[in-house]
Amino acid sequence: MITPTRSITKETEALLNNQIILEGQASAYYLSMASWCETQGYDISSQFLYHHSEEERMHMLKLFKYINTAGGYALQP
């Protein structure tokens, strides 16, 4: 396994890891709203919110990959 060269500062790594937390929380919130809409018969809204939840998760994964590629260590508490 090749260890990447560190091109990210500890401060930037910490800020991006905090953003990972926010993206994960947003994904979970949208997922909860989607579930409620689905149980109430709001199918179009639930589909939109499920999609939005997945989009937030993808943002989180992009940050994970960026941090790790830049030589940092991505975290999701």
PDB file of N, CA and C in Angstrom:
ATOM      1  N   MET A   1       0.845  -1.188   0.000  1.00  0.00           N
ATOM      2  CA  MET A   1       0.000   0.000   0.000  1.00  0.00           C
ATOM      3  C   MET A   1       0.885   1.245   0.000  1.00  0.00           C
ATOM      4  N   ILE A   2       0.569   2.155  -0.884  1.00  0.00           N
ATOM      5  CA  ILE A   2       1.335   3.391  -1.002  1.00  0.00           C
ATOM      6  C   ILE A   2       0.713   4.440  -0.094  1.00  0.00           C
ATOM      7  N   THR A   3       1.535   5.073   0.736  1.00  0.00           N
ATOM      8  CA  THR A   3       1.059   6.139   1.605  1.00  0.00           C
ATOM      9  C   THR A   3       1.068   7.439   0.814  1.00  0.00           C
ATOM     10  N   PRO A   4      -0.085   8.137   0.745  1.00  0.00           N
ATOM     11  CA  PRO A   4      -0.119   9.377  -0.031  1.00  0.00           C
ATOM     12  C   PRO A   4       0.701  10.472   0.627  1.00  0.00           C
ATOM     13  N   THR A   5       1.244  11.354  -0.178  1.00  0.00           N
ATOM     14  CA  THR A   5       1.954  12.515   0.327  1.00  0.00           C
ATOM     15  C   THR A   5       0.925  13.470   0.922  1.00  0.00           C
ATOM     16  N   ARG A   6       1.244  14.026   2.078  1.00  0.00           N
ATOM     17  CA  ARG A   6       0.304  14.924   2.743  1.00  0.00           C
ATOM     18  C   ARG A   6       0.326  16.289   2.071  1.00  0.00           C
ATOM     19  N   SER A   7      -0.802  16.674   1.488  1.00  0.00           N
ATOM     20  CA  SER A   7      -0.919  17.982   0.858  1.00  0.00           C
ATOM     21  C   SER A   7      -2.057  18.793   1.475  1.00  0.00           C
ATOM     22  N   ILE A   8      -2.522  18.354   2.622  1.00  0.00           N
ATOM     23  CA  ILE A   8      -3.633  19.008   3.308  1.00  0.00           C
ATOM     24  C   ILE A   8      -3.163  19.364   4.722  1.00  0.00           C
ATOM     25  N   THR A   9      -3.502  20.572   5.160  1.00  0.00           N
ATOM     26  CA  THR A   9      -3.109  20.964   6.515  1.00  0.00           C
ATOM     27  C   THR A   9      -4.039  20.317   7.532  1.00  0.00           C
ATOM     28  N   LYS A  10      -3.574  20.223   8.756  1.00  0.00           N
ATOM     29  CA  LYS A  10      -4.408  19.668   9.834  1.00  0.00           C
ATOM     30  C   LYS A  10      -5.665  20.520  10.034  1.00  0.00           C
ATOM     31  N   GLU A  11      -5.513  21.833   9.889  1.00  0.00           N
ATOM     32  CA  GLU A  11      -6.667  22.730  10.051  1.00  0.00           C
ATOM     33  C   GLU A  11      -7.721  22.460   8.968  1.00  0.00           C
ATOM     34  N   THR A  12      -7.281  22.344   7.728  1.00  0.00           N
ATOM     35  CA  THR A  12      -8.211  22.052   6.637  1.00  0.00           C
ATOM     36  C   THR A  12      -8.844  20.686   6.820  1.00  0.00           C
ATOM     37  N   GLU A  13      -8.042  19.721   7.227  1.00  0.00           N
ATOM     38  CA  GLU A  13      -8.567  18.380   7.482  1.00  0.00           C
ATOM     39  C   GLU A  13      -9.671  18.420   8.539  1.00  0.00           C
ATOM     40  N   ALA A  14      -9.448  19.172   9.608  1.00  0.00           N
ATOM     41  CA  ALA A  14     -10.450  19.277  10.674  1.00  0.00           C
ATOM     42  C   ALA A  14     -11.722  19.956  10.168  1.00  0.00           C
ATOM     43  N   LEU A  15     -11.565  21.011   9.384  1.00  0.00           N
ATOM     44  CA  LEU A  15     -12.740  21.706   8.847  1.00  0.00           C
ATOM     45  C   LEU A  15     -13.536  20.804   7.902  1.00  0.00           C
ATOM     46  N   LEU A  16     -12.839  20.071   7.060  1.00  0.00           N
ATOM     47  CA  LEU A  16     -13.527  19.166   6.133  1.00  0.00           C
ATOM     48  C   LEU A  16     -14.181  18.004   6.877  1.00  0.00           C
ATOM     49  N   ASN A  17     -13.530  17.500   7.922  1.00  0.00           N
ATOM     50  CA  ASN A  17     -14.154  16.443   8.720  1.00  0.00           C
ATOM     51  C   ASN A  17     -15.409  16.949   9.412  1.00  0.00           C
ATOM     52  N   ASN A  18     -15.400  18.218   9.816  1.00  0.00           N
ATOM     53  CA  ASN A  18     -16.615  18.804  10.386  1.00  0.00           C
ATOM     54  C   ASN A  18     -17.712  18.884   9.322  1.00  0.00           C
ATOM     55  N   GLN A  19     -17.330  19.219   8.093  1.00  0.00           N
ATOM     56  CA  GLN A  19     -18.312  19.274   7.011  1.00  0.00           C
ATOM     57  C   GLN A  19     -18.882  17.893   6.728  1.00  0.00           C
ATOM     58  N   ILE A  20     -18.051  16.858   6.866  1.00  0.00           N
ATOM     59  CA  ILE A  20     -18.531  15.478   6.703  1.00  0.00           C
ATOM     60  C   ILE A  20     -19.651  15.190   7.696  1.00  0.00           C
ATOM     61  N   ILE A  21     -19.469  15.639   8.928  1.00  0.00           N
ATOM     62  CA  ILE A  21     -20.502  15.455   9.951  1.00  0.00           C
ATOM     63  C   ILE A  21     -21.798  16.140   9.528  1.00  0.00           C
ATOM     64  N   LEU A  22     -21.682  17.380   9.041  1.00  0.00           N
ATOM     65  CA  LEU A  22     -22.868  18.135   8.627  1.00  0.00           C
ATOM     66  C   LEU A  22     -23.574  17.475   7.449  1.00  0.00           C
ATOM     67  N   GLU A  23     -22.804  16.976   6.489  1.00  0.00           N
ATOM     68  CA  GLU A  23     -23.404  16.298   5.330  1.00  0.00           C
ATOM     69  C   GLU A  23     -24.125  15.023   5.775  1.00  0.00           C
ATOM     70  N   GLY A  24     -23.533  14.281   6.704  1.00  0.00           N
ATOM     71  CA  GLY A  24     -24.163  13.067   7.215  1.00  0.00           C
ATOM     72  C   GLY A  24     -25.451  13.365   7.961  1.00  0.00           C
ATOM     73  N   GLN A  25     -25.434  14.434   8.753  1.00  0.00           N
ATOM     74  CA  GLN A  25     -26.637  14.833   9.474  1.00  0.00           C
ATOM     75  C   GLN A  25     -27.734  15.263   8.504  1.00  0.00           C
ATOM     76  N   ALA A  26     -27.348  16.028   7.487  1.00  0.00           N
ATOM     77  CA  ALA A  26     -28.332  16.470   6.497  1.00  0.00           C
ATOM     78  C   ALA A  26     -28.954  15.267   5.796  1.00  0.00           C
ATOM     79  N   SER A  27     -28.124  14.293   5.439  1.00  0.00           N
ATOM     80  CA  SER A  27     -28.628  13.086   4.793  1.00  0.00           C
ATOM     81  C   SER A  27     -29.638  12.377   5.691  1.00  0.00           C
ATOM     82  N   ALA A  28     -29.321  12.272   6.967  1.00  0.00           N
ATOM     83  CA  ALA A  28     -30.218  11.602   7.915  1.00  0.00           C
ATOM     84  C   ALA A  28     -31.526  12.377   8.081  1.00  0.00           C
ATOM     85  N   TYR A  29     -31.452  13.705   8.118  1.00  0.00           N
ATOM     86  CA  TYR A  29     -32.668  14.514   8.252  1.00  0.00           C
ATOM     87  C   TYR A  29     -33.578  14.321   7.042  1.00  0.00           C
ATOM     88  N   TYR A  30     -32.993  14.387   5.848  1.00  0.00           N
ATOM     89  CA  TYR A  30     -33.794  14.192   4.633  1.00  0.00           C
ATOM     90  C   TYR A  30     -34.394  12.794   4.588  1.00  0.00           C
ATOM     91  N   LEU A  31     -33.643  11.816   5.053  1.00  0.00           N
ATOM     92  CA  LEU A  31     -34.140  10.446   5.079  1.00  0.00           C
ATOM     93  C   LEU A  31     -35.349  10.334   6.009  1.00  0.00           C
ATOM     94  N   SER A  32     -35.282  10.973   7.166  1.00  0.00           N
ATOM     95  CA  SER A  32     -36.407  10.960   8.107  1.00  0.00           C
ATOM     96  C   SER A  32     -37.628  11.655   7.520  1.00  0.00           C
ATOM     97  N   MET A  33     -37.395  12.787   6.866  1.00  0.00           N
ATOM     98  CA  MET A  33     -38.522  13.499   6.244  1.00  0.00           C
ATOM     99  C   MET A  33     -39.134  12.665   5.120  1.00  0.00           C
ATOM    100  N   ALA A  34     -38.282  11.991   4.356  1.00  0.00           N
ATOM    101  CA  ALA A  34     -38.770  11.132   3.267  1.00  0.00           C
ATOM    102  C   ALA A  34     -39.636  10.012   3.819  1.00  0.00           C
ATOM    103  N   SER A  35     -39.199   9.428   4.922  1.00  0.00           N
ATOM    104  CA  SER A  35     -39.956   8.346   5.535  1.00  0.00           C
ATOM    105  C   SER A  35     -41.333   8.839   5.990  1.00  0.00           C
ATOM    106  N   TRP A  36     -41.365  10.006   6.627  1.00  0.00           N
ATOM    107  CA  TRP A  36     -42.640  10.550   7.078  1.00  0.00           C
ATOM    108  C   TRP A  36     -43.558  10.799   5.882  1.00  0.00           C
ATOM    109  N   CYS A  37     -43.025  11.438   4.843  1.00  0.00           N
ATOM    110  CA  CYS A  37     -43.837  11.713   3.653  1.00  0.00           C
ATOM    111  C   CYS A  37     -44.385  10.426   3.050  1.00  0.00           C
ATOM    112  N   GLU A  38     -43.547   9.406   3.003  1.00  0.00           N
ATOM    113  CA  GLU A  38     -43.973   8.135   2.434  1.00  0.00           C
ATOM    114  C   GLU A  38     -45.129   7.532   3.233  1.00  0.00           C
ATOM    115  N   THR A  39     -45.033   7.596   4.555  1.00  0.00           N
ATOM    116  CA  THR A  39     -46.088   7.008   5.385  1.00  0.00           C
ATOM    117  C   THR A  39     -47.384   7.810   5.346  1.00  0.00           C
ATOM    118  N   GLN A  40     -47.286   9.080   4.933  1.00  0.00           N
ATOM    119  CA  GLN A  40     -48.468   9.945   4.857  1.00  0.00           C
ATOM    120  C   GLN A  40     -49.073   9.977   3.456  1.00  0.00           C
ATOM    121  N   GLY A  41     -48.453   9.234   2.535  1.00  0.00           N
ATOM    122  CA  GLY A  41     -48.983   9.180   1.178  1.00  0.00           C
ATOM    123  C   GLY A  41     -48.489  10.272   0.249  1.00  0.00           C
ATOM    124  N   TYR A  42     -47.478  11.011   0.670  1.00  0.00           N
ATOM    125  CA  TYR A  42     -46.900  12.064  -0.176  1.00  0.00           C
ATOM    126  C   TYR A  42     -45.761  11.470  -0.997  1.00  0.00           C
ATOM    127  N   ASP A  43     -46.124  10.687  -1.986  1.00  0.00           N
ATOM    128  CA  ASP A  43     -45.148   9.902  -2.734  1.00  0.00           C
ATOM    129  C   ASP A  43     -44.141  10.745  -3.508  1.00  0.00           C
ATOM    130  N   ILE A  44     -44.601  11.790  -4.161  1.00  0.00           N
ATOM    131  CA  ILE A  44     -43.674  12.630  -4.934  1.00  0.00           C
ATOM    132  C   ILE A  44     -42.682  13.320  -4.005  1.00  0.00           C
ATOM    133  N   SER A  45     -43.174  13.824  -2.889  1.00  0.00           N
ATOM    134  CA  SER A  45     -42.283  14.466  -1.919  1.00  0.00           C
ATOM    135  C   SER A  45     -41.305  13.465  -1.329  1.00  0.00           C
ATOM    136  N   SER A  46     -41.776  12.276  -1.027  1.00  0.00           N
ATOM    137  CA  SER A  46     -40.871  11.272  -0.455  1.00  0.00           C
ATOM    138  C   SER A  46     -39.780  10.893  -1.449  1.00  0.00           C
ATOM    139  N   GLN A  47     -40.128  10.754  -2.718  1.00  0.00           N
ATOM    140  CA  GLN A  47     -39.117  10.441  -3.728  1.00  0.00           C
ATOM    141  C   GLN A  47     -38.069  11.539  -3.814  1.00  0.00           C
ATOM    142  N   PHE A  48     -38.522  12.787  -3.800  1.00  0.00           N
ATOM    143  CA  PHE A  48     -37.609  13.923  -3.841  1.00  0.00           C
ATOM    144  C   PHE A  48     -36.664  13.899  -2.640  1.00  0.00           C
ATOM    145  N   LEU A  49     -37.219  13.665  -1.458  1.00  0.00           N
ATOM    146  CA  LEU A  49     -36.410  13.685  -0.236  1.00  0.00           C
ATOM    147  C   LEU A  49     -35.466  12.492  -0.148  1.00  0.00           C
ATOM    148  N   TYR A  50     -35.890  11.316  -0.602  1.00  0.00           N
ATOM    149  CA  TYR A  50     -34.972  10.174  -0.650  1.00  0.00           C
ATOM    150  C   TYR A  50     -33.790  10.489  -1.568  1.00  0.00           C
ATOM    151  N   HIS A  51     -34.096  11.090  -2.706  1.00  0.00           N
ATOM    152  CA  HIS A  51     -33.033  11.459  -3.641  1.00  0.00           C
ATOM    153  C   HIS A  51     -32.092  12.485  -3.011  1.00  0.00           C
ATOM    154  N   HIS A  52     -32.679  13.468  -2.328  1.00  0.00           N
ATOM    155  CA  HIS A  52     -31.860  14.512  -1.703  1.00  0.00           C
ATOM    156  C   HIS A  52     -30.989  13.930  -0.587  1.00  0.00           C
ATOM    157  N   SER A  53     -31.505  12.979   0.151  1.00  0.00           N
ATOM    158  CA  SER A  53     -30.726  12.299   1.184  1.00  0.00           C
ATOM    159  C   SER A  53     -29.500  11.630   0.575  1.00  0.00           C
ATOM    160  N   GLU A  54     -29.707  10.944  -0.537  1.00  0.00           N
ATOM    161  CA  GLU A  54     -28.601  10.271  -1.216  1.00  0.00           C
ATOM    162  C   GLU A  54     -27.586  11.279  -1.753  1.00  0.00           C
ATOM    163  N   GLU A  55     -28.072  12.415  -2.226  1.00  0.00           N
ATOM    164  CA  GLU A  55     -27.181  13.460  -2.732  1.00  0.00           C
ATOM    165  C   GLU A  55     -26.267  13.980  -1.621  1.00  0.00           C
ATOM    166  N   GLU A  56     -26.825  14.203  -0.443  1.00  0.00           N
ATOM    167  CA  GLU A  56     -26.014  14.660   0.698  1.00  0.00           C
ATOM    168  C   GLU A  56     -24.970  13.609   1.076  1.00  0.00           C
ATOM    169  N   ARG A  57     -25.347  12.342   1.008  1.00  0.00           N
ATOM    170  CA  ARG A  57     -24.412  11.260   1.302  1.00  0.00           C
ATOM    171  C   ARG A  57     -23.273  11.249   0.287  1.00  0.00           C
ATOM    172  N   MET A  58     -23.590  11.522  -0.967  1.00  0.00           N
ATOM    173  CA  MET A  58     -22.552  11.570  -1.997  1.00  0.00           C
ATOM    174  C   MET A  58     -21.587  12.727  -1.744  1.00  0.00           C
ATOM    175  N   HIS A  59     -22.102  13.860  -1.267  1.00  0.00           N
ATOM    176  CA  HIS A  59     -21.216  14.969  -0.900  1.00  0.00           C
ATOM    177  C   HIS A  59     -20.234  14.507   0.179  1.00  0.00           C
ATOM    178  N   MET A  60     -20.779  13.793   1.168  1.00  0.00           N
ATOM    179  CA  MET A  60     -19.952  13.279   2.259  1.00  0.00           C
ATOM    180  C   MET A  60     -18.859  12.364   1.723  1.00  0.00           C
ATOM    181  N   LEU A  61     -19.212  11.467   0.820  1.00  0.00           N
ATOM    182  CA  LEU A  61     -18.235  10.525   0.274  1.00  0.00           C
ATOM    183  C   LEU A  61     -17.159  11.227  -0.546  1.00  0.00           C
ATOM    184  N   LYS A  62     -17.532  12.279  -1.269  1.00  0.00           N
ATOM    185  CA  LYS A  62     -16.541  13.051  -2.026  1.00  0.00           C
ATOM    186  C   LYS A  62     -15.525  13.684  -1.081  1.00  0.00           C
ATOM    187  N   LEU A  63     -16.010  14.203   0.041  1.00  0.00           N
ATOM    188  CA  LEU A  63     -15.104  14.781   1.025  1.00  0.00           C
ATOM    189  C   LEU A  63     -14.190  13.716   1.624  1.00  0.00           C
ATOM    190  N   PHE A  64     -14.736  12.544   1.914  1.00  0.00           N
ATOM    191  CA  PHE A  64     -13.932  11.426   2.427  1.00  0.00           C
ATOM    192  C   PHE A  64     -12.776  11.135   1.482  1.00  0.00           C
ATOM    193  N   LYS A  65     -13.117  10.959   0.216  1.00  0.00           N
ATOM    194  CA  LYS A  65     -12.108  10.597  -0.774  1.00  0.00           C
ATOM    195  C   LYS A  65     -11.069  11.701  -0.928  1.00  0.00           C
ATOM    196  N   TYR A  66     -11.511  12.956  -0.923  1.00  0.00           N
ATOM    197  CA  TYR A  66     -10.573  14.073  -1.056  1.00  0.00           C
ATOM    198  C   TYR A  66      -9.592  14.107   0.110  1.00  0.00           C
ATOM    199  N   ILE A  67     -10.100  14.028   1.309  1.00  0.00           N
ATOM    200  CA  ILE A  67      -9.239  14.082   2.493  1.00  0.00           C
ATOM    201  C   ILE A  67      -8.215  12.950   2.464  1.00  0.00           C
ATOM    202  N   ASN A  68      -8.674  11.747   2.209  1.00  0.00           N
ATOM    203  CA  ASN A  68      -7.772  10.597   2.208  1.00  0.00           C
ATOM    204  C   ASN A  68      -6.744  10.691   1.077  1.00  0.00           C
ATOM    205  N   THR A  69      -7.172  11.147  -0.093  1.00  0.00           N
ATOM    206  CA  THR A  69      -6.267  11.284  -1.222  1.00  0.00           C
ATOM    207  C   THR A  69      -5.211  12.350  -0.953  1.00  0.00           C
ATOM    208  N   ALA A  70      -5.597  13.386  -0.213  1.00  0.00           N
ATOM    209  CA  ALA A  70      -4.676  14.469   0.109  1.00  0.00           C
ATOM    210  C   ALA A  70      -3.756  14.122   1.276  1.00  0.00           C
ATOM    211  N   GLY A  71      -3.835  12.900   1.783  1.00  0.00           N
ATOM    212  CA  GLY A  71      -2.943  12.465   2.853  1.00  0.00           C
ATOM    213  C   GLY A  71      -3.488  12.652   4.244  1.00  0.00           C
ATOM    214  N   GLY A  72      -4.747  13.063   4.346  1.00  0.00           N
ATOM    215  CA  GLY A  72      -5.380  13.217   5.649  1.00  0.00           C
ATOM    216  C   GLY A  72      -6.082  11.932   6.049  1.00  0.00           C
ATOM    217  N   TYR A  73      -6.930  12.059   7.048  1.00  0.00           N
ATOM    218  CA  TYR A  73      -7.679  10.914   7.556  1.00  0.00           C
ATOM    219  C   TYR A  73      -9.118  11.356   7.771  1.00  0.00           C
ATOM    220  N   ALA A  74     -10.003  10.888   6.898  1.00  0.00           N
ATOM    221  CA  ALA A  74     -11.423  11.245   6.985  1.00  0.00           C
ATOM    222  C   ALA A  74     -12.101  10.447   8.094  1.00  0.00           C
ATOM    223  N   LEU A  75     -12.982  11.127   8.814  1.00  0.00           N
ATOM    224  CA  LEU A  75     -13.680  10.510   9.940  1.00  0.00           C
ATOM    225  C   LEU A  75     -15.182  10.730   9.832  1.00  0.00           C
ATOM    226  N   GLN A  76     -15.921   9.752  10.305  1.00  0.00           N
ATOM    227  CA  GLN A  76     -17.371   9.892  10.473  1.00  0.00           C
ATOM    228  C   GLN A  76     -17.697   9.338  11.856  1.00  0.00           C
ATOM    229  N   PRO A  77     -17.855  10.240  12.812  1.00  0.00           N
ATOM    230  CA  PRO A  77     -18.116   9.752  14.194  1.00  0.00           C
ATOM    231  C   PRO A  77     -19.475   9.113  14.323  1.00  0.00           C
TER     232      PRO A  77
END
